[in-house]
N, C-alpha and C. Protein backbone atom coordinates (compact mmCIF):
# COMPACT_ATOMS: atom_id res chain seq x y z
N MET A 1 -70.93 -94.21 -60.27
CA MET A 1 -70.15 -95.08 -61.29
C MET A 1 -70.86 -96.25 -61.92
N LYS A 2 -71.30 -96.93 -60.97
CA LYS A 2 -72.20 -98.13 -61.16
C LYS A 2 -73.39 -97.95 -62.33
N LYS A 3 -74.03 -96.55 -61.97
CA LYS A 3 -75.11 -96.31 -63.15
C LYS A 3 -74.45 -96.07 -64.48
N ASN A 4 -73.50 -95.48 -64.54
CA ASN A 4 -72.77 -95.32 -65.96
C ASN A 4 -72.28 -96.65 -66.31
N SER A 5 -71.82 -97.50 -65.47
CA SER A 5 -71.33 -98.97 -65.96
C SER A 5 -72.36 -99.88 -66.31
N THR A 6 -73.65 -99.45 -65.82
CA THR A 6 -75.03 -100.36 -66.24
C THR A 6 -75.18 -99.69 -67.62
N LEU A 7 -75.46 -98.42 -67.51
CA LEU A 7 -76.06 -97.67 -68.86
C LEU A 7 -75.04 -98.07 -70.05
N LEU A 8 -73.74 -98.42 -69.71
CA LEU A 8 -72.82 -98.82 -70.84
C LEU A 8 -73.32 -99.84 -71.32
N VAL A 9 -73.32 -101.03 -70.05
CA VAL A 9 -73.76 -102.14 -70.32
C VAL A 9 -74.89 -102.41 -71.50
N ALA A 10 -75.85 -101.52 -71.04
CA ALA A 10 -77.00 -101.65 -71.77
C ALA A 10 -77.14 -101.13 -73.09
N THR A 11 -76.33 -100.07 -73.41
CA THR A 11 -75.95 -99.61 -74.66
C THR A 11 -75.37 -100.48 -75.55
N VAL A 12 -74.08 -101.20 -74.98
CA VAL A 12 -73.51 -102.19 -75.70
C VAL A 12 -74.51 -103.53 -76.24
N VAL A 13 -75.27 -103.64 -75.29
CA VAL A 13 -76.25 -104.77 -75.46
C VAL A 13 -77.21 -104.20 -76.79
N VAL A 14 -77.57 -103.17 -76.54
CA VAL A 14 -78.60 -102.84 -77.59
C VAL A 14 -77.76 -102.78 -79.16
N LEU A 15 -76.58 -102.25 -78.95
CA LEU A 15 -75.56 -102.14 -80.22
C LEU A 15 -75.46 -103.42 -80.87
N MET A 16 -75.29 -104.68 -79.82
CA MET A 16 -75.09 -105.87 -80.40
C MET A 16 -76.30 -106.53 -80.91
N VAL A 17 -77.52 -106.27 -80.41
CA VAL A 17 -78.81 -106.91 -80.85
C VAL A 17 -78.66 -106.18 -82.19
N GLY A 18 -78.92 -104.76 -82.22
CA GLY A 18 -79.05 -103.88 -83.40
C GLY A 18 -78.00 -104.49 -84.55
N SER A 19 -76.60 -104.44 -84.19
CA SER A 19 -75.91 -105.22 -85.25
C SER A 19 -76.25 -106.47 -85.84
N ALA A 20 -76.74 -107.56 -84.71
CA ALA A 20 -76.89 -108.52 -85.51
C ALA A 20 -78.03 -108.81 -86.10
N HIS A 21 -79.08 -108.07 -86.17
CA HIS A 21 -80.16 -108.10 -87.13
C HIS A 21 -79.94 -107.14 -88.10
N SER A 22 -79.18 -106.18 -88.14
CA SER A 22 -79.31 -105.23 -89.50
C SER A 22 -78.51 -105.93 -90.70
N GLN A 23 -79.31 -106.08 -91.45
CA GLN A 23 -79.12 -106.73 -92.66
C GLN A 23 -79.29 -105.44 -93.90
N GLU A 24 -78.62 -105.47 -94.59
CA GLU A 24 -78.82 -105.03 -95.98
C GLU A 24 -79.64 -105.14 -96.96
N ASN A 25 -80.51 -104.45 -97.46
CA ASN A 25 -81.64 -104.75 -98.38
C ASN A 25 -82.73 -105.55 -97.53
N SER A 26 -83.08 -105.34 -96.26
CA SER A 26 -83.82 -105.66 -95.54
C SER A 26 -84.37 -104.95 -94.80
N PRO A 27 -85.44 -104.34 -94.80
CA PRO A 27 -85.63 -103.33 -93.77
C PRO A 27 -86.14 -103.91 -92.48
N GLN A 28 -85.98 -103.18 -91.35
CA GLN A 28 -86.20 -103.59 -90.02
C GLN A 28 -87.66 -103.59 -89.75
N ARG A 29 -88.46 -104.40 -89.42
CA ARG A 29 -89.74 -104.23 -89.00
C ARG A 29 -89.99 -104.50 -87.57
N GLY A 30 -90.65 -103.57 -86.90
CA GLY A 30 -90.75 -103.67 -85.65
C GLY A 30 -89.59 -103.41 -84.75
N TYR A 31 -89.49 -103.32 -83.27
CA TYR A 31 -88.66 -103.11 -82.26
C TYR A 31 -87.68 -103.95 -82.09
N PHE A 32 -88.06 -105.56 -82.36
CA PHE A 32 -87.09 -106.35 -82.14
C PHE A 32 -86.28 -106.82 -83.30
N PRO A 33 -85.07 -107.57 -83.05
CA PRO A 33 -84.58 -108.27 -84.08
C PRO A 33 -85.29 -109.50 -84.46
N ASP A 34 -85.02 -110.05 -85.62
CA ASP A 34 -85.77 -111.14 -86.58
C ASP A 34 -85.46 -112.49 -86.11
N ILE A 35 -86.21 -113.48 -86.48
CA ILE A 35 -85.91 -114.68 -85.42
C ILE A 35 -84.54 -115.35 -85.87
N VAL A 36 -84.22 -114.87 -87.32
CA VAL A 36 -82.97 -115.53 -87.36
C VAL A 36 -81.85 -115.22 -86.54
N SER A 37 -81.85 -113.66 -86.42
CA SER A 37 -80.67 -113.17 -85.47
C SER A 37 -80.79 -113.64 -84.15
N ILE A 38 -82.07 -113.73 -83.74
CA ILE A 38 -82.09 -114.05 -82.23
C ILE A 38 -81.91 -115.68 -82.01
N GLN A 39 -81.83 -116.81 -82.88
CA GLN A 39 -81.46 -117.88 -82.99
C GLN A 39 -80.06 -117.95 -83.09
N GLN A 40 -79.44 -117.14 -83.77
CA GLN A 40 -78.10 -117.16 -83.96
C GLN A 40 -77.32 -116.40 -83.10
N ALA A 41 -77.79 -115.70 -81.82
CA ALA A 41 -77.31 -115.09 -80.91
C ALA A 41 -76.38 -115.87 -80.22
N ASP A 42 -75.26 -115.16 -79.40
CA ASP A 42 -74.29 -116.11 -78.61
C ASP A 42 -75.02 -116.09 -77.07
N TYR A 43 -75.63 -117.13 -76.89
CA TYR A 43 -76.54 -116.96 -75.56
C TYR A 43 -75.89 -116.96 -74.28
N SER A 44 -74.50 -117.19 -74.50
CA SER A 44 -73.83 -117.40 -72.76
C SER A 44 -73.64 -115.57 -72.78
N ILE A 45 -73.20 -115.29 -73.87
CA ILE A 45 -73.09 -113.48 -73.87
C ILE A 45 -74.20 -112.77 -73.64
N MET A 46 -75.38 -113.15 -74.39
CA MET A 46 -76.31 -112.49 -74.33
C MET A 46 -77.07 -112.74 -72.87
N GLU A 47 -77.08 -113.69 -72.18
CA GLU A 47 -77.70 -113.98 -70.87
C GLU A 47 -76.89 -113.07 -69.88
N LYS A 48 -75.41 -112.98 -69.96
CA LYS A 48 -74.69 -112.31 -68.88
C LYS A 48 -74.94 -110.81 -68.87
N LYS A 49 -75.07 -110.20 -70.01
CA LYS A 49 -75.22 -109.07 -70.41
C LYS A 49 -76.43 -108.39 -70.16
N TYR A 50 -77.31 -109.59 -70.53
CA TYR A 50 -78.79 -108.98 -70.03
C TYR A 50 -79.18 -109.24 -68.58
N ALA A 51 -78.56 -109.63 -67.83
CA ALA A 51 -78.66 -110.39 -66.35
C ALA A 51 -78.14 -108.73 -65.96
N GLU A 52 -77.11 -108.52 -66.45
CA GLU A 52 -76.52 -107.24 -65.79
C GLU A 52 -77.52 -105.81 -65.90
N CYS A 53 -78.09 -106.03 -67.01
CA CYS A 53 -79.33 -105.05 -67.22
C CYS A 53 -80.32 -104.83 -66.34
N LEU A 54 -80.78 -106.24 -66.02
CA LEU A 54 -81.78 -106.82 -65.17
C LEU A 54 -81.56 -106.31 -63.84
N LYS A 55 -80.19 -105.94 -63.24
CA LYS A 55 -80.02 -105.45 -62.18
C LYS A 55 -79.85 -103.85 -62.07
N SER A 56 -79.86 -103.45 -63.30
CA SER A 56 -79.77 -101.76 -63.20
C SER A 56 -80.62 -101.21 -62.22
N GLU A 57 -80.36 -100.24 -61.50
CA GLU A 57 -81.21 -99.41 -61.00
C GLU A 57 -81.82 -98.28 -61.84
N ASN A 58 -81.73 -98.16 -63.10
CA ASN A 58 -82.74 -97.33 -64.10
C ASN A 58 -83.49 -98.35 -64.41
N ASP A 59 -85.02 -97.80 -64.28
CA ASP A 59 -86.08 -98.81 -64.43
C ASP A 59 -86.07 -99.08 -65.97
N GLY A 60 -86.06 -98.29 -66.62
CA GLY A 60 -85.87 -98.16 -68.33
C GLY A 60 -85.21 -99.26 -68.64
N VAL A 61 -83.99 -99.45 -68.46
CA VAL A 61 -83.18 -100.35 -68.61
C VAL A 61 -83.56 -101.61 -68.18
N VAL A 62 -84.07 -101.67 -67.28
CA VAL A 62 -84.78 -102.85 -66.40
C VAL A 62 -85.81 -103.40 -67.53
N GLU A 63 -86.84 -102.61 -67.90
CA GLU A 63 -87.96 -102.68 -68.60
C GLU A 63 -87.40 -103.26 -69.90
N SER A 64 -86.51 -102.73 -70.43
CA SER A 64 -86.08 -103.03 -71.85
C SER A 64 -85.15 -104.24 -71.73
N ALA A 65 -84.71 -104.63 -71.00
CA ALA A 65 -84.16 -105.58 -70.82
C ALA A 65 -85.24 -106.79 -70.69
N LEU A 66 -86.11 -106.95 -69.79
CA LEU A 66 -87.00 -107.83 -69.57
C LEU A 66 -87.91 -107.77 -71.04
N ALA A 67 -88.10 -106.83 -72.05
CA ALA A 67 -88.62 -107.01 -73.19
C ALA A 67 -87.88 -108.10 -73.94
N HIS A 68 -86.53 -107.51 -74.03
CA HIS A 68 -85.75 -108.12 -74.91
C HIS A 68 -85.50 -110.26 -74.52
N VAL A 69 -85.46 -110.18 -73.09
CA VAL A 69 -85.24 -111.29 -72.63
C VAL A 69 -86.66 -112.41 -72.81
N ALA A 70 -87.89 -111.74 -72.88
CA ALA A 70 -88.78 -112.28 -73.23
C ALA A 70 -89.12 -112.59 -74.82
N MET A 71 -88.49 -111.66 -75.74
CA MET A 71 -88.61 -111.98 -76.63
C MET A 71 -87.69 -113.33 -77.37
N PHE A 72 -86.44 -113.11 -76.56
CA PHE A 72 -85.64 -114.32 -76.76
C PHE A 72 -85.98 -115.58 -76.34
N LYS A 73 -86.90 -115.44 -75.46
CA LYS A 73 -87.59 -116.79 -74.90
C LYS A 73 -88.66 -117.31 -75.62
N LEU A 74 -89.39 -116.01 -76.01
CA LEU A 74 -90.51 -116.43 -77.45
C LEU A 74 -89.83 -117.37 -78.31
N MET A 75 -89.07 -116.90 -78.91
CA MET A 75 -88.34 -117.09 -80.11
C MET A 75 -87.47 -118.61 -80.01
N TYR A 76 -86.99 -118.76 -78.94
CA TYR A 76 -85.78 -119.87 -78.73
C TYR A 76 -86.83 -120.40 -77.27
N PRO A 77 -87.69 -121.23 -77.37
CA PRO A 77 -88.53 -121.52 -76.05
C PRO A 77 -87.57 -122.71 -75.27
N VAL A 78 -86.86 -123.48 -76.14
CA VAL A 78 -85.77 -124.68 -75.51
C VAL A 78 -84.90 -124.10 -74.73
N LYS A 79 -84.45 -123.06 -74.85
CA LYS A 79 -83.42 -122.21 -74.30
C LYS A 79 -83.82 -122.18 -72.88
N GLU A 80 -82.83 -122.67 -71.98
CA GLU A 80 -83.23 -122.85 -70.61
C GLU A 80 -82.70 -121.13 -70.03
N LEU A 81 -82.15 -120.75 -69.99
CA LEU A 81 -81.34 -119.37 -69.53
C LEU A 81 -81.63 -119.30 -67.92
N ALA A 82 -81.12 -120.25 -67.41
CA ALA A 82 -81.34 -120.24 -66.01
C ALA A 82 -80.83 -118.72 -65.04
N GLN A 83 -79.95 -118.39 -65.60
CA GLN A 83 -79.50 -116.78 -65.04
C GLN A 83 -80.57 -115.68 -64.90
N LEU A 84 -81.09 -115.76 -66.49
CA LEU A 84 -82.03 -114.69 -66.48
C LEU A 84 -83.24 -115.09 -66.03
N LYS A 85 -83.72 -116.53 -65.74
CA LYS A 85 -84.99 -116.70 -64.98
C LYS A 85 -84.97 -116.13 -63.70
N ARG A 86 -83.72 -116.64 -62.92
CA ARG A 86 -83.52 -115.97 -61.42
C ARG A 86 -83.71 -114.57 -61.24
N GLU A 87 -83.12 -113.72 -62.38
CA GLU A 87 -83.09 -112.50 -62.33
C GLU A 87 -84.44 -111.99 -62.44
N VAL A 88 -85.13 -112.64 -63.41
CA VAL A 88 -86.56 -112.27 -63.77
C VAL A 88 -87.61 -112.49 -62.56
N ASP A 89 -87.35 -113.92 -61.77
CA ASP A 89 -88.22 -113.95 -60.71
C ASP A 89 -88.04 -113.08 -59.41
N ARG A 90 -86.58 -112.57 -59.35
CA ARG A 90 -86.22 -111.70 -58.36
C ARG A 90 -86.65 -110.54 -58.59
N ILE A 91 -86.79 -109.57 -59.65
CA ILE A 91 -87.76 -108.56 -60.09
C ILE A 91 -89.29 -108.71 -59.79
N ALA A 92 -89.82 -109.98 -59.90
CA ALA A 92 -91.07 -110.00 -59.72
C ALA A 92 -91.52 -110.12 -58.71
N THR A 93 -90.66 -110.49 -57.67
CA THR A 93 -90.72 -110.29 -56.35
C THR A 93 -90.54 -109.23 -55.51
N ARG A 94 -89.24 -108.71 -56.08
CA ARG A 94 -88.70 -107.48 -55.16
C ARG A 94 -88.65 -106.22 -55.76
N HIS A 95 -88.87 -106.02 -57.05
CA HIS A 95 -88.48 -104.49 -57.51
C HIS A 95 -89.48 -103.43 -56.93
N SER A 96 -89.17 -102.22 -57.07
CA SER A 96 -89.99 -101.15 -56.13
C SER A 96 -90.96 -100.73 -56.86
N SER A 97 -91.22 -101.09 -58.39
CA SER A 97 -91.92 -100.45 -59.13
C SER A 97 -93.09 -101.73 -59.27
N ASN A 98 -94.44 -101.65 -59.02
CA ASN A 98 -95.46 -102.22 -59.50
C ASN A 98 -95.34 -102.72 -60.87
N GLU A 99 -95.47 -101.83 -61.67
CA GLU A 99 -95.38 -102.11 -63.15
C GLU A 99 -94.47 -102.67 -63.91
N ILE A 100 -93.13 -102.58 -63.32
CA ILE A 100 -91.89 -103.49 -63.61
C ILE A 100 -92.12 -105.15 -62.82
N ARG A 101 -92.67 -105.16 -61.76
CA ARG A 101 -92.78 -106.41 -61.09
C ARG A 101 -93.79 -107.05 -62.01
N TYR A 102 -94.51 -106.31 -62.38
CA TYR A 102 -96.04 -107.06 -63.10
C TYR A 102 -95.32 -107.61 -64.40
N LYS A 103 -94.74 -106.53 -65.27
CA LYS A 103 -94.18 -107.13 -66.41
C LYS A 103 -93.06 -108.39 -65.83
N ALA A 104 -92.50 -108.33 -65.18
CA ALA A 104 -91.74 -109.35 -64.64
C ALA A 104 -92.44 -110.69 -64.47
N TYR A 105 -93.34 -110.54 -63.79
CA TYR A 105 -94.54 -111.77 -63.32
C TYR A 105 -94.70 -112.41 -65.12
N VAL A 106 -95.27 -111.62 -65.83
CA VAL A 106 -95.70 -112.26 -67.44
C VAL A 106 -94.06 -113.05 -67.65
N VAL A 107 -93.37 -112.22 -67.72
CA VAL A 107 -91.92 -112.87 -68.20
C VAL A 107 -91.60 -114.23 -67.70
N ALA A 108 -91.79 -114.24 -66.30
CA ALA A 108 -91.64 -115.32 -65.55
C ALA A 108 -92.66 -116.36 -65.91
N SER A 109 -93.98 -116.28 -66.27
CA SER A 109 -95.00 -116.97 -66.58
C SER A 109 -94.62 -117.46 -68.03
N LEU A 110 -94.17 -116.70 -68.82
CA LEU A 110 -93.42 -117.16 -70.35
C LEU A 110 -92.19 -118.19 -70.05
N PHE A 111 -91.46 -117.88 -69.14
CA PHE A 111 -90.39 -118.87 -68.81
C PHE A 111 -90.99 -120.37 -68.14
N GLU A 112 -91.91 -120.34 -67.34
CA GLU A 112 -92.68 -121.34 -66.86
C GLU A 112 -93.33 -122.27 -67.91
N ASN A 113 -93.84 -121.65 -69.00
CA ASN A 113 -94.74 -122.37 -70.05
C ASN A 113 -94.64 -121.39 -71.33
N PRO A 114 -93.60 -121.96 -71.97
CA PRO A 114 -93.35 -120.92 -73.23
C PRO A 114 -94.24 -121.37 -74.19
N ARG A 115 -94.91 -122.60 -74.20
CA ARG A 115 -96.05 -123.10 -75.15
C ARG A 115 -97.24 -122.39 -75.23
N LEU A 116 -97.54 -121.61 -73.64
CA LEU A 116 -98.75 -120.99 -73.58
C LEU A 116 -98.78 -119.78 -74.41
N PHE A 117 -97.45 -119.39 -74.83
CA PHE A 117 -97.34 -117.85 -75.56
C PHE A 117 -96.77 -118.08 -76.93
N ALA A 118 -97.04 -119.27 -77.58
CA ALA A 118 -96.59 -119.39 -78.71
C ALA A 118 -97.11 -118.65 -79.87
N ALA A 119 -98.29 -118.21 -79.64
CA ALA A 119 -99.29 -117.42 -80.49
C ALA A 119 -98.44 -116.32 -80.84
N GLU A 120 -97.68 -115.59 -79.63
CA GLU A 120 -97.15 -114.16 -79.65
C GLU A 120 -95.64 -114.00 -79.76
N ALA A 121 -95.31 -115.10 -80.51
CA ALA A 121 -93.91 -115.27 -80.85
C ALA A 121 -93.97 -114.51 -82.45
N ARG A 122 -93.56 -113.31 -82.58
CA ARG A 122 -93.32 -112.53 -83.44
C ARG A 122 -92.46 -111.39 -82.93
N THR A 123 -91.82 -110.88 -84.22
CA THR A 123 -90.75 -109.86 -83.87
C THR A 123 -91.43 -108.31 -84.34
N ASP A 124 -92.55 -108.38 -85.06
CA ASP A 124 -93.00 -107.09 -85.46
C ASP A 124 -93.50 -106.34 -84.26
N TYR A 125 -93.33 -106.34 -83.01
CA TYR A 125 -93.65 -105.09 -82.34
C TYR A 125 -92.96 -104.04 -82.49
N ASP A 126 -93.83 -103.36 -82.09
CA ASP A 126 -93.17 -101.74 -82.25
C ASP A 126 -92.77 -101.34 -81.21
N SER A 127 -92.90 -101.82 -79.96
CA SER A 127 -92.36 -101.51 -78.99
C SER A 127 -92.44 -102.47 -77.89
N PRO A 128 -91.85 -102.43 -76.69
CA PRO A 128 -91.96 -103.54 -75.44
C PRO A 128 -93.09 -103.40 -74.96
N ASP A 129 -93.62 -102.01 -74.95
CA ASP A 129 -95.44 -102.16 -74.26
C ASP A 129 -96.40 -103.01 -75.15
N ASP A 130 -96.11 -102.81 -76.55
CA ASP A 130 -96.98 -103.97 -77.50
C ASP A 130 -96.65 -105.17 -77.12
N LEU A 131 -95.27 -105.67 -76.63
CA LEU A 131 -95.02 -107.14 -76.48
C LEU A 131 -95.68 -107.66 -75.05
N PHE A 132 -95.45 -106.67 -74.34
CA PHE A 132 -96.05 -106.94 -72.97
C PHE A 132 -97.61 -106.95 -72.84
N ALA A 133 -98.12 -106.05 -73.71
CA ALA A 133 -99.57 -106.10 -74.00
C ALA A 133 -100.15 -107.59 -74.49
N ALA A 134 -99.23 -107.77 -75.27
CA ALA A 134 -99.93 -109.44 -76.16
C ALA A 134 -99.69 -110.43 -75.09
N LEU A 135 -98.41 -110.38 -74.25
CA LEU A 135 -98.08 -111.31 -73.17
C LEU A 135 -99.15 -111.29 -72.24
N SER A 136 -99.48 -110.15 -71.99
CA SER A 136 -100.46 -109.99 -70.80
C SER A 136 -101.73 -110.49 -71.06
N GLY A 137 -102.24 -109.83 -72.12
CA GLY A 137 -103.57 -110.57 -73.00
C GLY A 137 -103.72 -112.29 -72.71
N GLN A 138 -102.76 -112.55 -73.24
CA GLN A 138 -102.46 -114.23 -73.37
C GLN A 138 -102.70 -114.69 -72.18
N LEU A 139 -102.05 -114.46 -70.98
CA LEU A 139 -102.13 -114.69 -69.49
C LEU A 139 -103.30 -114.62 -69.35
N HIS A 140 -104.04 -113.37 -69.64
CA HIS A 140 -105.38 -112.90 -68.93
C HIS A 140 -106.29 -113.82 -69.44
N ARG A 141 -106.20 -114.43 -70.83
CA ARG A 141 -107.06 -115.37 -71.66
C ARG A 141 -106.90 -116.72 -71.06
N VAL A 142 -105.81 -117.01 -70.52
CA VAL A 142 -105.85 -118.36 -69.77
C VAL A 142 -106.25 -118.49 -68.61
N ILE A 143 -106.07 -117.26 -67.82
CA ILE A 143 -106.87 -117.36 -66.62
C ILE A 143 -107.72 -117.53 -66.34
N VAL A 144 -108.62 -116.43 -67.37
CA VAL A 144 -110.05 -116.53 -67.31
C VAL A 144 -110.68 -117.75 -67.64
N SER A 145 -110.10 -118.61 -68.83
CA SER A 145 -110.75 -119.65 -69.29
C SER A 145 -110.44 -120.92 -68.06
N ASN A 146 -109.15 -120.97 -67.32
CA ASN A 146 -109.59 -121.83 -66.31
C ASN A 146 -110.53 -121.51 -65.26
N MET A 147 -110.73 -120.30 -65.00
CA MET A 147 -111.81 -119.90 -64.07
C MET A 147 -113.15 -120.50 -64.43
N SER A 148 -113.35 -120.35 -65.76
CA SER A 148 -114.70 -120.71 -66.09
C SER A 148 -114.92 -122.37 -66.50
N LYS A 149 -113.74 -122.91 -66.12
CA LYS A 149 -113.92 -124.70 -66.25
C LYS A 149 -114.67 -125.12 -65.06
């Protein structure tokens, strides 16, 4: 029952995001909603729904939620989103999947220093993997540059 409830929540969130950014005469580019839709989102509802998705037992739901949380944070870096940060931190340290823990670590780094990732703030990523690759690449560049100092 809990899995069905979580999948229902995930479906509702995806539909909310999809309907929020679908505009007539405006083809969608990439996987994520456009910046205007992201900035106009009801953050209290979004935060609750994505926090539920981050608690899912389904790795795909968690990974998708991490990507959407990262995109919201990229587009609106001044928004605190404390509940989501707590869930991301929990996943980064306790999730059973190494891959998801790493992706959560990258998203947690974004929460800690959003300006570090400002160059990655675009919505034309074709998939969550493309977004994570861009964020991971930026984090890698920063770490390497700090090591060479």
